[in-house]
Amino acid sequence: MKVSSRTLFKKLVEIFQNLPKQHRGFIIASSCFLLLLLIIPSSEESLEVEEIQVGKRIQVALPEDIVPLETISRQSALPQRRSNKAHNKIITEPLPSLSPPLSTQQGGSLISGKLQRKIKIQGTIEELANLSWQTVKVRSGDSLALILKRLGFSAQTTYAVSTAKGKDSKLLKRLNVGDQLRIASNEAELLAALEYPLSKTDTLFINLVGDSYQSHRESKEVEIRESFSYGTITSSFWNAGVSAGLNDSQIINFANIFGWDIDFALDIRAGDNFNITFENKYIEGEYIGTGNILAAEITNQGEVFQAIRFTDDEYYTPDGRSMRKAFLRAPVNFKYISSSFKPKRFHPVQKRWKAHRGIDYAAKQGTPVVAAGNGKVTHAGYSKYNGYYVFIQHGNDIVTKYLHFYKRAVVKKGQRVKQGQVIGYVGSTGLAAGPHLHYEFLLNGVHRNPRTVKLPDARPIEKKYKAKFSLLAVERLKALSGAKNALLSTEKNAIAAND
């Protein structure tokens, strides 16, 4: 059976690739000699053959009529982080969309009027990883296509990179101004690798593997170290937090944790103090920022508030109650709803259409009305339209209003009240047609339907986790107290030394 020169060449290459590494140097000379005898036509053309040495890379020039130019492909470059073993793969599939223009810089030579190409038979990983890297900063209005075009790559290359195998390649469609890309070209002037740092911990890698691009994400291990801070308030909590070394995010998060119990704009007094344990993050020994608040304590006007972070990312008091306070859906034991929350309602007294931004709960005169949640009384008085009324400010910009009391309980402006505490009694004072409580719920200054608004979830620690949380709380509070005492002792000794 007659075997074509092309088939024989492929067979020889396949046999060569499967040979043990230690035999390749010995056999390569014989293989190349046999290959030349089989494929070179007998003509007046001549071909110079370099002296063959064991261990040296061999290049063979093939006539154009034997190996068509459009089927010659290049060996892909491998990224530098691959293994340092020799790589002998020869790509035989064409890369029409990625092929650069033909030039003599790619190993071409003229022999008897015909262009010849040199094909690499063997190369080491060091040669394959000889990439040329460029760092590009994303400008305003930039896209991956614009960046690669500036670097001289084609639209086909952009498409191939942006559709690289792997789920993370789509992240290249959302580049941000200021981001940096590292892009590498190989000896064939192809885009061989791309690195896109997504964050301080994650990086997207796209590599040319064979005749296609592949993407993957790598994450660096983050080391967590616990740190501590303590501060005393002299002017404002914000200034005290900055002086204690906290960043803006930590100050805001601290206030949010205790926001249901303390109004950090109105309740803070000079002499109040706080202490906090939190996470610091490091990658390979380098500090990259802060993490979660683990435990916190604040003394406000002599009252101590403490919070512990649990594994569900929520904060609880040391006895397992949620730091987020629940609200009563209805603050009175009512008979029925006499008027619902409506954008337009005919007023029974004023005899005109107007918005009704609350719920009217009809009840017997004198029925106790309680605070829907913990908070501070901001208004308590009497007006022509509201009758006797009480307004309460709760945490996280929630305000509740209670109107038309028969009389108020002993509450006054500035007083703190607890959920369920009686603040007044149902009546019909002011602009009211009969005994009822008009109740309003405002979130960030906007009226919401008290019957449908999503109320905070204030569930305590589940029973199955209670023991685990109790041990964690003891540990956290012990560390918090110990760090505070150590710092205060250090400050006291420093003052004594100066005296």
Protein backbone atom coordinates (compact mmCIF):
# COMPACT_ATOMS: atom_id res chain seq x y z
CA MET A 1 0.00 0.00 0.00
CA LYS A 2 1.44 3.34 -1.03
CA VAL A 3 1.76 5.85 1.79
CA SER A 4 1.70 9.57 0.95
CA SER A 5 4.49 11.78 2.13
CA ARG A 6 2.06 13.88 4.20
CA THR A 7 0.67 10.87 6.04
CA LEU A 8 4.12 9.54 6.70
CA PHE A 9 5.20 12.89 8.04
CA LYS A 10 2.28 12.97 10.46
CA LYS A 11 2.98 9.44 11.59
CA LEU A 12 6.61 10.25 12.24
CA VAL A 13 5.65 13.31 14.25
CA GLU A 14 3.18 11.30 16.32
CA ILE A 15 5.75 8.60 16.99
CA PHE A 16 8.27 11.25 17.93
CA GLN A 17 5.88 12.87 20.43
CA ASN A 18 5.20 9.58 22.18
CA LEU A 19 8.84 8.62 22.63
CA PRO A 20 10.43 8.89 26.09
CA LYS A 21 12.27 12.12 26.62
CA GLN A 22 15.67 10.44 27.05
CA HIS A 23 15.39 8.79 23.62
CA ARG A 24 14.38 11.84 21.66
CA GLY A 25 17.83 13.32 21.35
CA PHE A 26 19.23 10.04 20.04
CA ILE A 27 16.43 9.33 17.56
CA ILE A 28 15.81 12.86 16.34
CA ALA A 29 18.72 12.80 13.89
CA SER A 30 17.55 9.56 12.28
CA SER A 31 13.91 10.72 12.18
CA CYS A 32 14.72 14.01 10.49
CA PHE A 33 17.00 12.32 7.95
CA LEU A 34 14.29 9.80 7.04
CA LEU A 35 11.69 12.57 6.85
CA LEU A 36 13.85 14.53 4.43
CA LEU A 37 14.34 11.49 2.17
CA LEU A 38 10.62 10.84 1.97
CA ILE A 39 9.19 14.31 1.40
CA ILE A 40 11.83 16.22 -0.57
CA PRO A 41 11.18 15.81 -4.33
CA SER A 42 14.06 14.94 -6.62
CA SER A 43 14.76 18.14 -8.48
CA GLU A 44 17.48 20.60 -9.09
CA GLU A 45 16.44 22.51 -5.99
CA SER A 46 18.71 22.16 -3.03
CA LEU A 47 18.13 22.53 0.69
CA GLU A 48 20.69 23.33 3.28
CA VAL A 49 20.61 21.07 6.32
CA GLU A 50 22.11 22.22 9.58
CA GLU A 51 24.38 19.91 11.45
CA ILE A 52 22.31 17.82 13.85
CA GLN A 53 23.32 17.79 17.48
CA VAL A 54 21.77 15.86 20.32
CA GLY A 55 19.72 18.11 22.58
CA LYS A 56 19.56 20.93 20.03
CA ARG A 57 16.27 22.16 18.57
CA ILE A 58 15.90 21.01 14.95
CA GLN A 59 14.16 23.11 12.28
CA VAL A 60 13.22 21.65 8.92
CA ALA A 61 12.22 23.72 5.89
CA LEU A 62 9.39 22.19 3.87
CA PRO A 63 8.52 23.04 0.26
CA GLU A 64 5.38 25.05 -0.25
CA ASP A 65 3.88 22.44 -2.58
CA ILE A 66 4.22 19.72 0.09
CA VAL A 67 2.76 21.67 3.08
CA PRO A 68 0.23 24.34 2.01
CA LEU A 69 0.77 27.67 3.73
CA GLU A 70 -2.83 27.93 4.94
CA THR A 71 -2.51 24.69 6.95
CA ILE A 72 0.69 25.66 8.75
CA SER A 73 -0.05 26.73 12.29
CA ARG A 74 2.03 27.93 15.14
CA GLN A 75 2.74 26.37 18.48
CA SER A 76 0.83 28.23 21.19
CA ALA A 77 2.70 29.94 23.99
CA LEU A 78 2.08 28.69 27.49
CA PRO A 79 1.77 31.02 30.51
CA GLN A 80 4.77 31.29 32.84
CA ARG A 81 3.02 29.62 35.74
CA ARG A 82 2.85 26.24 33.93
CA SER A 83 5.15 23.29 34.75
CA ASN A 84 8.79 23.56 33.65
CA LYS A 85 8.68 20.26 31.75
CA ALA A 86 9.55 20.18 28.05
CA HIS A 87 6.57 20.76 25.77
CA ASN A 88 6.65 19.05 22.39
CA LYS A 89 3.09 19.48 21.09
CA ILE A 90 2.75 20.45 17.44
CA ILE A 91 -0.54 22.04 16.38
CA THR A 92 -1.72 20.84 12.99
CA GLU A 93 -5.11 22.63 12.87
CA PRO A 94 -5.21 26.01 11.08
CA LEU A 95 -5.84 29.27 12.95
CA PRO A 96 -7.16 31.48 10.17
CA SER A 97 -8.66 34.11 12.48
CA LEU A 98 -5.56 34.41 14.64
CA SER A 99 -2.81 34.11 12.02
CA PRO A 100 -0.69 37.24 11.55
CA PRO A 101 0.45 38.32 8.08
CA LEU A 102 3.19 36.15 6.55
CA SER A 103 6.67 37.63 6.93
CA THR A 104 10.27 36.49 6.87
CA GLN A 105 10.44 37.29 10.61
CA GLN A 106 8.40 34.15 11.20
CA GLY A 107 11.12 31.86 9.87
CA GLY A 108 10.46 32.14 6.12
CA SER A 109 13.30 31.84 3.58
CA LEU A 110 13.56 31.91 -0.22
CA ILE A 111 15.02 28.78 -1.89
CA SER A 112 15.03 28.56 -5.73
CA GLY A 113 12.18 31.07 -5.96
CA LYS A 114 9.89 29.23 -3.55
CA LEU A 115 9.04 30.43 -0.01
CA GLN A 116 9.94 27.86 2.63
CA ARG A 117 8.80 27.70 6.27
CA LYS A 118 10.71 26.32 9.21
CA ILE A 119 8.72 24.19 11.59
CA LYS A 120 9.79 23.76 15.20
CA ILE A 121 10.05 20.10 16.08
CA GLN A 122 11.11 20.48 19.68
CA GLY A 123 11.28 23.30 22.22
CA THR A 124 11.56 23.77 25.96
CA ILE A 125 8.95 25.41 28.19
CA GLU A 126 11.32 28.33 28.74
CA GLU A 127 11.23 29.12 25.02
CA LEU A 128 7.46 28.73 24.85
CA ALA A 129 6.97 31.00 27.86
CA ASN A 130 9.11 33.77 26.41
CA LEU A 131 6.24 36.25 26.40
CA SER A 132 6.25 40.02 25.98
CA TRP A 133 4.01 41.64 28.64
CA GLN A 134 2.28 45.02 28.57
CA THR A 135 0.27 46.69 31.35
CA VAL A 136 -2.73 48.73 30.24
CA LYS A 137 -4.86 51.04 32.40
CA VAL A 138 -8.53 51.27 31.47
CA ARG A 139 -9.50 54.77 30.35
CA SER A 140 -12.88 56.48 30.35
CA GLY A 141 -14.96 55.03 27.51
CA ASP A 142 -12.65 52.06 27.05
CA SER A 143 -13.77 48.56 26.15
CA LEU A 144 -11.79 45.39 25.61
CA ALA A 145 -12.07 45.90 21.85
CA LEU A 146 -10.63 49.43 22.01
CA ILE A 147 -7.78 48.35 24.29
CA LEU A 148 -6.76 45.41 22.11
CA LYS A 149 -7.08 47.53 18.97
CA ARG A 150 -4.62 50.07 20.43
CA LEU A 151 -2.21 47.20 21.03
CA GLY A 152 -2.51 46.05 17.42
CA PHE A 153 -4.73 43.00 17.85
CA SER A 154 -7.57 42.25 15.45
CA ALA A 155 -11.32 42.21 16.07
CA GLN A 156 -11.19 38.42 15.66
CA THR A 157 -8.75 38.21 18.54
CA THR A 158 -11.01 40.39 20.69
CA TYR A 159 -13.96 38.10 19.98
CA ALA A 160 -11.93 34.97 20.69
CA VAL A 161 -10.71 36.37 24.03
CA SER A 162 -14.10 37.71 25.15
CA THR A 163 -15.73 34.34 24.41
CA ALA A 164 -12.97 32.25 25.97
CA LYS A 165 -14.01 28.91 27.42
CA GLY A 166 -15.01 29.26 31.07
CA LYS A 167 -17.79 31.13 32.86
CA ASP A 168 -15.65 34.08 33.97
CA SER A 169 -14.64 35.47 30.57
CA LYS A 170 -17.82 37.57 30.55
CA LEU A 171 -16.27 39.73 33.28
CA LEU A 172 -14.17 41.40 30.58
CA LYS A 173 -17.34 43.08 29.34
CA ARG A 174 -17.58 45.12 32.55
CA LEU A 175 -14.23 46.91 32.75
CA ASN A 176 -14.03 49.84 35.16
CA VAL A 177 -12.06 53.03 34.69
CA GLY A 178 -8.73 52.65 36.46
CA ASP A 179 -8.59 48.84 36.19
CA GLN A 180 -5.34 47.38 34.91
CA LEU A 181 -4.89 44.58 32.40
CA ARG A 182 -1.68 42.66 31.79
CA ILE A 183 -1.50 41.37 28.23
CA ALA A 184 1.20 39.12 26.76
CA SER A 185 2.20 38.42 23.16
CA ASN A 186 4.20 35.40 22.05
CA GLU A 187 6.94 35.16 19.42
CA ALA A 188 4.29 34.79 16.70
CA GLU A 189 2.76 38.12 17.80
CA LEU A 190 -0.41 36.42 19.01
CA LEU A 191 -2.18 37.41 22.21
CA ALA A 192 -1.02 34.55 24.41
CA ALA A 193 -2.20 35.54 27.90
CA LEU A 194 -4.30 38.14 29.72
CA GLU A 195 -4.52 38.87 33.44
CA TYR A 196 -7.32 41.00 34.92
CA PRO A 197 -7.26 41.65 38.70
CA LEU A 198 -10.91 41.62 39.81
CA SER A 199 -10.13 42.52 43.42
CA LYS A 200 -7.32 42.33 45.92
CA THR A 201 -7.99 38.61 46.22
CA ASP A 202 -9.27 37.44 42.81
CA THR A 203 -7.66 37.54 39.35
CA LEU A 204 -9.09 36.46 36.00
CA PHE A 205 -6.65 34.61 33.71
CA ILE A 206 -7.18 34.00 29.99
CA ASN A 207 -4.61 31.89 28.13
CA LEU A 208 -4.15 30.69 24.58
CA VAL A 209 -4.19 26.91 24.90
CA GLY A 210 -3.86 25.08 21.62
CA ASP A 211 -6.02 26.90 19.11
CA SER A 212 -8.48 28.48 21.55
CA TYR A 213 -8.59 30.68 24.64
CA GLN A 214 -9.51 29.40 28.07
CA SER A 215 -10.38 31.39 31.21
CA HIS A 216 -10.24 30.68 34.90
CA ARG A 217 -10.26 32.63 38.15
CA GLU A 218 -7.70 32.30 40.93
CA SER A 219 -8.24 33.47 44.51
CA LYS A 220 -5.50 34.22 46.97
CA GLU A 221 -5.87 32.98 50.52
CA VAL A 222 -6.83 35.74 52.96
CA GLU A 223 -5.35 35.68 56.46
CA ILE A 224 -7.58 37.10 59.21
CA ARG A 225 -6.08 38.77 62.27
CA GLU A 226 -8.14 40.23 65.09
CA SER A 227 -7.58 43.82 66.13
CA PHE A 228 -8.98 46.10 68.82
CA SER A 229 -9.90 49.76 69.17
CA TYR A 230 -11.12 51.92 72.06
CA GLY A 231 -12.34 55.49 72.17
CA THR A 232 -13.85 58.13 74.42
CA ILE A 233 -16.29 60.65 73.00
CA THR A 234 -15.54 64.32 73.54
CA SER A 235 -17.45 66.03 70.72
CA SER A 236 -19.10 63.49 68.37
CA PHE A 237 -19.03 59.77 67.83
CA TRP A 238 -17.65 60.23 64.32
CA ASN A 239 -14.66 62.26 65.53
CA ALA A 240 -14.05 59.78 68.35
CA GLY A 241 -14.11 56.91 65.87
CA VAL A 242 -11.58 58.60 63.61
CA SER A 243 -9.32 59.33 66.58
CA ALA A 244 -9.55 55.66 67.59
CA GLY A 245 -8.25 54.61 64.17
CA LEU A 246 -11.54 53.39 62.67
CA ASN A 247 -12.28 53.98 58.99
CA ASP A 248 -15.52 55.47 57.64
CA SER A 249 -17.07 52.06 56.93
CA GLN A 250 -16.36 50.78 60.43
CA ILE A 251 -17.85 53.90 62.05
CA ILE A 252 -21.03 53.58 59.98
CA ASN A 253 -21.34 49.84 60.64
CA PHE A 254 -20.85 50.36 64.37
CA ALA A 255 -23.65 52.96 64.41
CA ASN A 256 -25.93 50.64 62.42
CA ILE A 257 -25.41 47.80 64.91
CA PHE A 258 -26.61 49.95 67.84
CA GLY A 259 -28.93 52.16 65.78
CA TRP A 260 -32.06 50.59 67.24
CA ASP A 261 -31.06 51.59 70.76
CA ILE A 262 -29.05 54.79 70.33
CA ASP A 263 -29.55 57.90 68.23
CA PHE A 264 -25.92 58.71 67.40
CA ALA A 265 -26.86 62.27 66.44
CA LEU A 266 -28.86 63.20 69.56
CA ASP A 267 -28.16 60.68 72.34
CA ILE A 268 -24.35 60.79 72.44
CA ARG A 269 -22.78 62.66 75.35
CA ALA A 270 -19.22 63.69 76.18
CA GLY A 271 -17.64 60.97 78.29
CA ASP A 272 -19.43 58.10 76.53
CA ASN A 273 -16.97 55.42 75.42
CA PHE A 274 -16.83 52.44 73.10
CA ASN A 275 -14.58 49.49 72.32
CA ILE A 276 -14.59 47.12 69.38
CA THR A 277 -12.84 44.00 68.09
CA PHE A 278 -12.70 43.58 64.33
CA GLU A 279 -10.96 41.73 61.53
CA ASN A 280 -7.88 42.88 59.64
CA LYS A 281 -7.19 41.14 56.32
CA TYR A 282 -3.79 40.16 54.90
CA ILE A 283 -2.67 38.49 51.70
CA GLU A 284 0.83 37.02 51.73
CA GLY A 285 1.63 39.20 54.74
CA GLU A 286 0.40 42.41 53.09
CA TYR A 287 -2.45 44.33 54.77
CA ILE A 288 -5.41 44.77 52.40
CA GLY A 289 -8.13 46.22 54.66
CA THR A 290 -10.58 45.59 57.45
CA GLY A 291 -13.23 42.90 57.71
CA ASN A 292 -16.23 42.30 59.96
CA ILE A 293 -16.85 43.78 63.39
CA LEU A 294 -16.71 40.76 65.73
CA ALA A 295 -17.87 42.32 68.98
CA ALA A 296 -18.72 45.84 70.07
CA GLU A 297 -19.65 47.71 73.22
CA ILE A 298 -20.75 51.27 73.90
CA THR A 299 -21.55 53.02 77.16
CA ASN A 300 -24.15 55.73 76.52
CA GLN A 301 -25.25 57.96 79.39
CA GLY A 302 -24.24 55.25 81.87
CA GLU A 303 -26.08 52.41 80.08
CA VAL A 304 -23.97 49.63 78.52
CA PHE A 305 -24.93 48.10 75.17
CA GLN A 306 -23.12 45.04 73.79
CA ALA A 307 -23.31 43.17 70.47
CA ILE A 308 -21.78 39.89 69.27
CA ARG A 309 -21.55 38.81 65.63
CA PHE A 310 -22.62 35.22 64.96
CA THR A 311 -22.02 32.91 61.98
CA ASP A 312 -25.26 34.03 60.31
CA ASP A 313 -23.75 37.53 59.92
CA GLU A 314 -26.26 38.97 62.39
CA TYR A 315 -25.56 40.71 65.70
CA TYR A 316 -27.08 39.67 69.01
CA THR A 317 -26.99 40.72 72.64
CA PRO A 318 -24.93 38.44 74.91
CA ASP A 319 -28.12 36.55 75.85
CA GLY A 320 -29.02 35.88 72.20
CA ARG A 321 -31.58 38.60 71.44
CA SER A 322 -31.35 40.27 68.03
CA MET A 323 -29.87 43.75 67.93
CA ARG A 324 -32.53 44.57 65.36
CA LYS A 325 -35.73 45.40 67.14
CA ALA A 326 -39.10 44.10 65.97
CA PHE A 327 -42.19 46.27 65.65
CA LEU A 328 -45.74 45.55 66.71
CA ARG A 329 -47.94 45.42 63.63
CA ALA A 330 -50.79 47.04 65.57
CA PRO A 331 -50.03 49.00 68.77
CA VAL A 332 -53.56 48.76 70.16
CA ASN A 333 -56.16 46.07 70.88
CA PHE A 334 -58.73 47.23 68.32
CA LYS A 335 -62.24 46.16 67.34
CA TYR A 336 -61.86 46.83 63.63
CA ILE A 337 -60.08 49.03 61.10
CA SER A 338 -62.32 52.00 60.46
CA SER A 339 -60.18 53.47 57.69
CA SER A 340 -57.30 51.91 55.75
CA PHE A 341 -54.14 53.38 54.24
CA LYS A 342 -55.29 55.01 50.97
CA PRO A 343 -53.85 57.50 48.49
CA LYS A 344 -57.31 59.10 48.30
CA ARG A 345 -60.13 59.02 50.87
CA PHE A 346 -63.23 61.12 51.56
CA HIS A 347 -62.62 62.69 54.99
CA PRO A 348 -65.68 62.17 57.26
CA VAL A 349 -65.23 65.50 59.05
CA GLN A 350 -63.69 67.80 56.43
CA LYS A 351 -66.02 66.38 53.74
CA ARG A 352 -63.36 66.39 51.02
CA TRP A 353 -61.05 63.94 49.27
CA LYS A 354 -57.52 63.67 50.62
CA ALA A 355 -54.80 61.09 51.18
CA HIS A 356 -55.05 58.92 54.28
CA ARG A 357 -51.43 58.08 55.19
CA GLY A 358 -52.15 55.85 58.16
CA ILE A 359 -54.47 53.24 59.64
CA ASP A 360 -57.46 54.07 61.83
CA TYR A 361 -58.06 51.43 64.49
CA ALA A 362 -61.52 51.76 66.03
CA ALA A 363 -61.56 50.88 69.73
CA LYS A 364 -63.34 51.70 72.93
CA GLN A 365 -62.35 55.06 74.43
CA GLY A 366 -59.65 54.61 77.04
CA THR A 367 -58.11 51.50 75.42
CA PRO A 368 -54.33 51.60 76.09
CA VAL A 369 -52.02 52.37 73.17
CA VAL A 370 -48.43 51.11 73.38
CA ALA A 371 -45.18 51.98 71.61
CA ALA A 372 -44.71 49.79 68.53
CA GLY A 373 -40.98 49.51 69.21
CA ASN A 374 -38.12 50.85 71.28
CA GLY A 375 -37.35 54.49 70.62
CA LYS A 376 -37.31 58.06 71.80
CA VAL A 377 -40.25 60.46 72.00
CA THR A 378 -39.64 63.38 69.64
CA HIS A 379 -43.05 65.07 69.97
CA ALA A 380 -45.72 64.85 72.66
CA GLY A 381 -48.51 67.43 72.89
CA TYR A 382 -51.84 68.65 71.59
CA SER A 383 -52.91 70.27 68.31
CA LYS A 384 -56.19 71.27 66.66
CA TYR A 385 -56.06 68.47 64.10
CA ASN A 386 -54.10 65.72 65.91
CA GLY A 387 -55.64 66.10 69.33
CA TYR A 388 -53.36 64.52 71.95
CA TYR A 389 -50.51 62.82 70.10
CA VAL A 390 -47.08 61.20 70.47
CA PHE A 391 -44.35 60.77 67.83
CA ILE A 392 -41.54 58.25 68.39
CA GLN A 393 -38.18 58.05 66.60
CA HIS A 394 -36.87 54.48 66.25
CA GLY A 395 -33.62 53.14 64.84
CA ASN A 396 -32.72 53.15 61.15
CA ASP A 397 -34.85 56.21 60.24
CA ILE A 398 -38.21 54.79 61.32
CA VAL A 399 -40.82 57.08 62.89
CA THR A 400 -44.22 56.08 64.28
CA LYS A 401 -47.04 58.54 65.00
CA TYR A 402 -50.05 58.09 67.33
CA LEU A 403 -52.98 60.56 67.11
CA HIS A 404 -56.35 61.41 68.74
CA PHE A 405 -55.60 60.15 72.27
CA TYR A 406 -58.20 60.66 74.93
CA LYS A 407 -55.16 61.50 77.03
CA ARG A 408 -51.44 60.85 76.94
CA ALA A 409 -49.63 58.62 79.40
CA VAL A 410 -46.77 60.12 81.38
CA VAL A 411 -44.40 60.52 78.47
CA LYS A 412 -42.61 63.65 77.31
CA LYS A 413 -40.33 64.82 74.55
CA GLY A 414 -36.81 63.30 74.79
CA GLN A 415 -37.95 60.34 76.90
CA ARG A 416 -36.93 56.81 75.91
CA VAL A 417 -39.72 54.26 75.68
CA LYS A 418 -39.67 50.48 75.34
CA GLN A 419 -41.72 48.34 73.01
CA GLY A 420 -45.11 47.65 74.64
CA GLN A 421 -44.90 50.62 77.00
CA VAL A 422 -48.22 52.52 77.30
CA ILE A 423 -47.95 55.99 75.76
CA GLY A 424 -51.63 57.02 75.59
CA TYR A 425 -55.29 56.00 75.48
CA VAL A 426 -57.73 55.80 72.59
CA GLY A 427 -59.96 58.84 72.21
CA SER A 428 -61.44 61.24 69.65
CA THR A 429 -59.64 64.49 70.32
CA GLY A 430 -58.73 66.73 67.40
CA LEU A 431 -60.27 66.20 63.99
CA ALA A 432 -61.90 62.81 64.67
CA ALA A 433 -65.39 61.46 64.09
CA GLY A 434 -65.26 58.88 66.86
CA PRO A 435 -62.92 57.00 69.23
CA HIS A 436 -60.00 55.51 67.30
CA LEU A 437 -56.21 55.50 67.05
CA HIS A 438 -54.73 57.01 63.92
CA TYR A 439 -51.37 55.24 63.49
CA GLU A 440 -48.67 56.19 60.94
CA PHE A 441 -45.42 54.46 60.00
CA LEU A 442 -42.68 56.45 58.21
CA LEU A 443 -39.46 55.03 56.74
CA ASN A 444 -36.83 57.59 55.68
CA GLY A 445 -39.52 60.27 55.85
CA VAL A 446 -41.94 58.43 53.55
CA HIS A 447 -45.32 57.17 54.77
CA ARG A 448 -45.75 53.40 54.47
CA ASN A 449 -48.80 51.23 55.03
CA PRO A 450 -48.41 49.94 58.63
CA ARG A 451 -50.29 46.77 57.71
CA THR A 452 -48.08 45.77 54.77
CA VAL A 453 -44.70 47.40 55.32
CA LYS A 454 -41.86 44.89 55.76
CA LEU A 455 -40.86 45.05 59.40
CA PRO A 456 -37.39 44.19 60.74
CA ASP A 457 -36.70 40.55 61.48
CA ALA A 458 -35.75 40.31 65.13
CA ARG A 459 -35.71 36.58 65.72
CA PRO A 460 -33.37 35.44 68.51
CA ILE A 461 -30.70 32.78 68.12
CA GLU A 462 -32.23 29.44 67.20
CA LYS A 463 -32.33 26.99 70.09
CA LYS A 464 -30.02 24.51 68.36
CA TYR A 465 -27.32 27.21 68.14
CA LYS A 466 -27.87 28.78 71.55
CA ALA A 467 -25.13 26.80 73.33
CA LYS A 468 -22.61 27.50 70.58
CA PHE A 469 -23.45 31.22 70.62
CA SER A 470 -23.22 31.42 74.42
CA LEU A 471 -19.65 30.06 74.34
CA LEU A 472 -18.75 32.47 71.54
CA ALA A 473 -20.28 35.42 73.41
CA VAL A 474 -18.27 34.66 76.56
CA GLU A 475 -15.08 34.41 74.51
CA ARG A 476 -15.76 37.62 72.58
CA LEU A 477 -16.67 39.66 75.64
CA LYS A 478 -13.63 38.38 77.53
CA ALA A 479 -11.35 39.42 74.67
CA LEU A 480 -13.13 42.78 74.41
CA SER A 481 -12.76 43.49 78.13
CA GLY A 482 -9.16 42.26 78.26
CA ALA A 483 -8.07 44.42 75.35
CA LYS A 484 -9.81 47.46 76.82
CA ASN A 485 -8.19 47.00 80.23
CA ALA A 486 -4.77 46.49 78.68
CA LEU A 487 -5.08 49.68 76.65
CA LEU A 488 -6.34 51.72 79.58
CA SER A 489 -3.50 50.39 81.74
CA THR A 490 -0.97 51.36 79.08
CA GLU A 491 -2.42 54.87 78.84
CA LYS A 492 -2.44 55.21 82.63
CA ASN A 493 1.21 54.13 82.88
CA ALA A 494 2.17 56.55 80.12
CA ILE A 495 0.47 59.43 81.95
CA ALA A 496 2.17 58.46 85.22
CA ALA A 497 5.56 58.31 83.50
CA ASN A 498 5.10 61.79 82.08
CA ASP A 499 4.20 63.12 85.51
